[in-house]
C-alpha atoms as a PDB file:
ATOM      1  CA  GLN A   1     -15.989   9.928   2.719  1.00  0.00           C
ATOM      2  CA  VAL A   2     -14.008   6.827   1.991  1.00  0.00           C
ATOM      3  CA  GLN A   3     -13.108   4.235   4.585  1.00  0.00           C
ATOM      4  CA  LEU A   4     -10.023   2.087   4.155  1.00  0.00           C
ATOM      5  CA  VAL A   5      -9.255  -1.120   6.040  1.00  0.00           C
ATOM      6  CA  GLU A   6      -5.779  -2.595   5.773  1.00  0.00           C
ATOM      7  CA  SER A   7      -4.734  -6.154   6.554  1.00  0.00           C
ATOM      8  CA  GLY A   8      -1.709  -8.393   6.265  1.00  0.00           C
ATOM      9  CA  GLY A   9       1.011  -6.633   8.241  1.00  0.00           C
ATOM     10  CA  GLY A  10       3.250  -8.319  10.775  1.00  0.00           C
ATOM     11  CA  SER A  11       6.801  -9.550  11.225  1.00  0.00           C
ATOM     12  CA  VAL A  12       9.018 -11.426   8.795  1.00  0.00           C
ATOM     13  CA  GLU A  13      12.684 -12.273   8.500  1.00  0.00           C
ATOM     14  CA  ALA A  14      14.898 -10.667   5.874  1.00  0.00           C
ATOM     15  CA  GLY A  15      14.354 -12.246   2.476  1.00  0.00           C
ATOM     16  CA  GLY A  16      10.778 -13.176   3.307  1.00  0.00           C
ATOM     17  CA  SER A  17       7.528 -12.149   1.671  1.00  0.00           C
ATOM     18  CA  MET A  18       4.358 -10.462   2.798  1.00  0.00           C
ATOM     19  CA  ARG A  19       1.066  -9.486   1.190  1.00  0.00           C
ATOM     20  CA  LEU A  20      -0.897  -6.432   2.225  1.00  0.00           C
ATOM     21  CA  SER A  21      -4.519  -5.861   1.306  1.00  0.00           C
ATOM     22  CA  CYS A  22      -6.741  -2.827   1.560  1.00  0.00           C
ATOM     23  CA  GLN A  23     -10.480  -2.677   1.069  1.00  0.00           C
ATOM     24  CA  ALA A  24     -12.240   0.600   0.396  1.00  0.00           C
ATOM     25  CA  SER A  25     -15.858   1.454   1.106  1.00  0.00           C
ATOM     26  CA  GLY A  26     -18.032   4.536   1.122  1.00  0.00           C
ATOM     27  CA  ASP A  27     -18.352   7.218  -1.548  1.00  0.00           C
ATOM     28  CA  ILE A  28     -15.968   5.847  -4.150  1.00  0.00           C
ATOM     29  CA  TYR A  29     -15.893   7.536  -7.529  1.00  0.00           C
ATOM     30  CA  SER A  30     -15.582   5.464 -10.681  1.00  0.00           C
ATOM     31  CA  ILE A  31     -12.239   7.142 -11.442  1.00  0.00           C
ATOM     32  CA  HIS A  32      -9.748   7.050  -8.602  1.00  0.00           C
ATOM     33  CA  VAL A  33      -6.326   5.948  -7.523  1.00  0.00           C
ATOM     34  CA  MET A  34      -5.548   3.510  -4.743  1.00  0.00           C
ATOM     35  CA  GLY A  35      -2.273   2.363  -3.346  1.00  0.00           C
ATOM     36  CA  TRP A  36       0.282   2.341  -0.587  1.00  0.00           C
ATOM     37  CA  TYR A  37       2.658   4.725   1.141  1.00  0.00           C
ATOM     38  CA  ARG A  38       4.952   3.918   4.025  1.00  0.00           C
ATOM     39  CA  GLN A  39       6.575   5.781   6.884  1.00  0.00           C
ATOM     40  CA  ALA A  40       9.570   4.559   8.842  1.00  0.00           C
ATOM     41  CA  PRO A  41      10.483   6.042  12.231  1.00  0.00           C
ATOM     42  CA  GLN A  42      11.883   9.578  11.909  1.00  0.00           C
ATOM     43  CA  LYS A  43      11.398   9.537   8.155  1.00  0.00           C
ATOM     44  CA  GLN A  44       8.897  11.171   5.827  1.00  0.00           C
ATOM     45  CA  ARG A  45       6.026   9.227   4.343  1.00  0.00           C
ATOM     46  CA  GLU A  46       7.031   7.911   0.925  1.00  0.00           C
ATOM     47  CA  LEU A  47       5.296   6.380  -2.059  1.00  0.00           C
ATOM     48  CA  VAL A  48       5.386   2.606  -2.346  1.00  0.00           C
ATOM     49  CA  ALA A  49       2.977   2.043  -5.226  1.00  0.00           C
ATOM     50  CA  VAL A  50      -0.311   3.367  -6.568  1.00  0.00           C
ATOM     51  CA  ILE A  51      -2.633   2.087  -9.260  1.00  0.00           C
ATOM     52  CA  SER A  52      -5.432   3.880 -11.056  1.00  0.00           C
ATOM     53  CA  THR A  53      -8.758   2.521 -12.242  1.00  0.00           C
ATOM     54  CA  ALA A  54      -7.174   2.512 -15.710  1.00  0.00           C
ATOM     55  CA  GLU A  55      -4.459   0.210 -14.326  1.00  0.00           C
ATOM     56  CA  ASN A  56      -1.741   2.843 -14.586  1.00  0.00           C
ATOM     57  CA  ILE A  57       0.895   2.067 -11.956  1.00  0.00           C
ATOM     58  CA  ASN A  58       3.566   4.155 -10.273  1.00  0.00           C
ATOM     59  CA  TYR A  59       6.152   2.643  -7.957  1.00  0.00           C
ATOM     60  CA  GLY A  60       8.382   4.441  -5.503  1.00  0.00           C
ATOM     61  CA  GLY A  61      11.993   4.955  -6.521  1.00  0.00           C
ATOM     62  CA  PHE A  62      13.249   2.363  -4.028  1.00  0.00           C
ATOM     63  CA  VAL A  63      11.092  -0.427  -5.481  1.00  0.00           C
ATOM     64  CA  GLN A  64      13.309  -2.628  -7.613  1.00  0.00           C
ATOM     65  CA  GLY A  65      10.978  -5.284  -8.870  1.00  0.00           C
ATOM     66  CA  CYS A  66      10.324  -6.867  -5.494  1.00  0.00           C
ATOM     67  CA  PHE A  67       6.940  -5.213  -4.882  1.00  0.00           C
ATOM     68  CA  THR A  68       3.852  -5.713  -7.044  1.00  0.00           C
ATOM     69  CA  ILE A  69       0.587  -3.835  -6.738  1.00  0.00           C
ATOM     70  CA  SER A  70      -2.718  -5.130  -8.067  1.00  0.00           C
ATOM     71  CA  ARG A  71      -6.379  -4.362  -7.649  1.00  0.00           C
ATOM     72  CA  ALA A  72      -9.777  -6.023  -7.744  1.00  0.00           C
ATOM     73  CA  ASP A  73     -12.294  -3.362  -8.630  1.00  0.00           C
ATOM     74  CA  ALA A  74     -15.313  -5.512  -7.960  1.00  0.00           C
ATOM     75  CA  LYS A  75     -14.355  -5.385  -4.297  1.00  0.00           C
ATOM     76  CA  TYR A  76     -12.528  -2.009  -4.326  1.00  0.00           C
ATOM     77  CA  THR A  77      -9.498  -3.881  -3.084  1.00  0.00           C
ATOM     78  CA  VAL A  78      -5.845  -3.194  -3.668  1.00  0.00           C
ATOM     79  CA  ASN A  79      -3.087  -5.663  -2.856  1.00  0.00           C
ATOM     80  CA  LEU A  80       0.645  -5.235  -2.399  1.00  0.00           C
ATOM     81  CA  GLN A  81       2.845  -8.281  -2.761  1.00  0.00           C
ATOM     82  CA  MET A  82       6.254  -7.683  -1.210  1.00  0.00           C
ATOM     83  CA  ASN A  83       9.087 -10.120  -1.845  1.00  0.00           C
ATOM     84  CA  ASN A  84      12.685 -10.221  -0.624  1.00  0.00           C
ATOM     85  CA  LEU A  85      11.890  -7.882   2.237  1.00  0.00           C
ATOM     86  CA  GLN A  86      14.804  -6.228   3.987  1.00  0.00           C
ATOM     87  CA  PRO A  87      15.130  -4.462   7.370  1.00  0.00           C
ATOM     88  CA  ASP A  88      14.965  -1.092   5.570  1.00  0.00           C
ATOM     89  CA  ASP A  89      11.409  -1.999   4.569  1.00  0.00           C
ATOM     90  CA  THR A  90      10.325  -1.816   8.207  1.00  0.00           C
ATOM     91  CA  ALA A  91       7.640   0.855   8.419  1.00  0.00           C
ATOM     92  CA  VAL A  92       3.980   1.564   8.878  1.00  0.00           C
ATOM     93  CA  TYR A  93       2.275   0.989   5.554  1.00  0.00           C
ATOM     94  CA  TYR A  94      -0.716   3.183   4.780  1.00  0.00           C
ATOM     95  CA  CYS A  95      -3.411   2.514   2.221  1.00  0.00           C
ATOM     96  CA  THR A  96      -4.635   5.531   0.313  1.00  0.00           C
ATOM     97  CA  ASN A  97      -7.518   6.449  -1.962  1.00  0.00           C
ATOM     98  CA  ILE A  98      -7.193   9.544  -4.106  1.00  0.00           C
ATOM     99  CA  GLN A  99     -10.215  10.961  -5.890  1.00  0.00           C
ATOM    100  CA  GLN A 100     -11.739  14.301  -6.780  1.00  0.00           C
ATOM    101  CA  GLY A 101      -8.793  16.111  -5.249  1.00  0.00           C
ATOM    102  CA  ASN A 102      -9.171  14.338  -1.907  1.00  0.00           C
ATOM    103  CA  ASN A 103      -6.717  11.961  -0.312  1.00  0.00           C
ATOM    104  CA  PHE A 104      -8.083   9.419   2.162  1.00  0.00           C
ATOM    105  CA  TRP A 105      -5.882   7.279   4.406  1.00  0.00           C
ATOM    106  CA  GLY A 106      -6.232   4.046   6.297  1.00  0.00           C
ATOM    107  CA  PRO A 107      -4.993   3.730   9.907  1.00  0.00           C
ATOM    108  CA  GLY A 108      -1.828   1.923   8.773  1.00  0.00           C
ATOM    109  CA  THR A 109      -0.407  -1.533   9.312  1.00  0.00           C
ATOM    110  CA  GLN A 110       3.011  -2.258  10.789  1.00  0.00           C
ATOM    111  CA  VAL A 111       5.524  -4.248   8.766  1.00  0.00           C
ATOM    112  CA  THR A 112       8.640  -5.323  10.635  1.00  0.00           C
ATOM    113  CA  VAL A 113      11.548  -7.065   8.923  1.00  0.00           C
ATOM    114  CA  SER A 114      14.227  -8.596  11.123  1.00  0.00           C
ATOM    115  CA  SER A 115      17.771  -9.334  10.016  1.00  0.00           C
END
């Protein structure tokens, strides 16, 4: 099992920035993927960004250079820097760890962007 603890959510005005962090613990394999998904009300969960232990990165189709994912393996931590946030970015952001065919999720952190 892998446990994920997210931090850094909250409220911000449009055009503002926010940084999310997620720390993993438990049975973490040396090769894995960590990252972020989000789910807005009445919408499906969608990919924000994921990064592998080999530093391969995939961003969701809506990301246009305003979000940056990074990781610190020594602490099994993944960060998401979000700039120029817009009201459409309002959602619950979920941290994920993917390894050995399993997908673990954090409880989620709310991000609210006001216009």
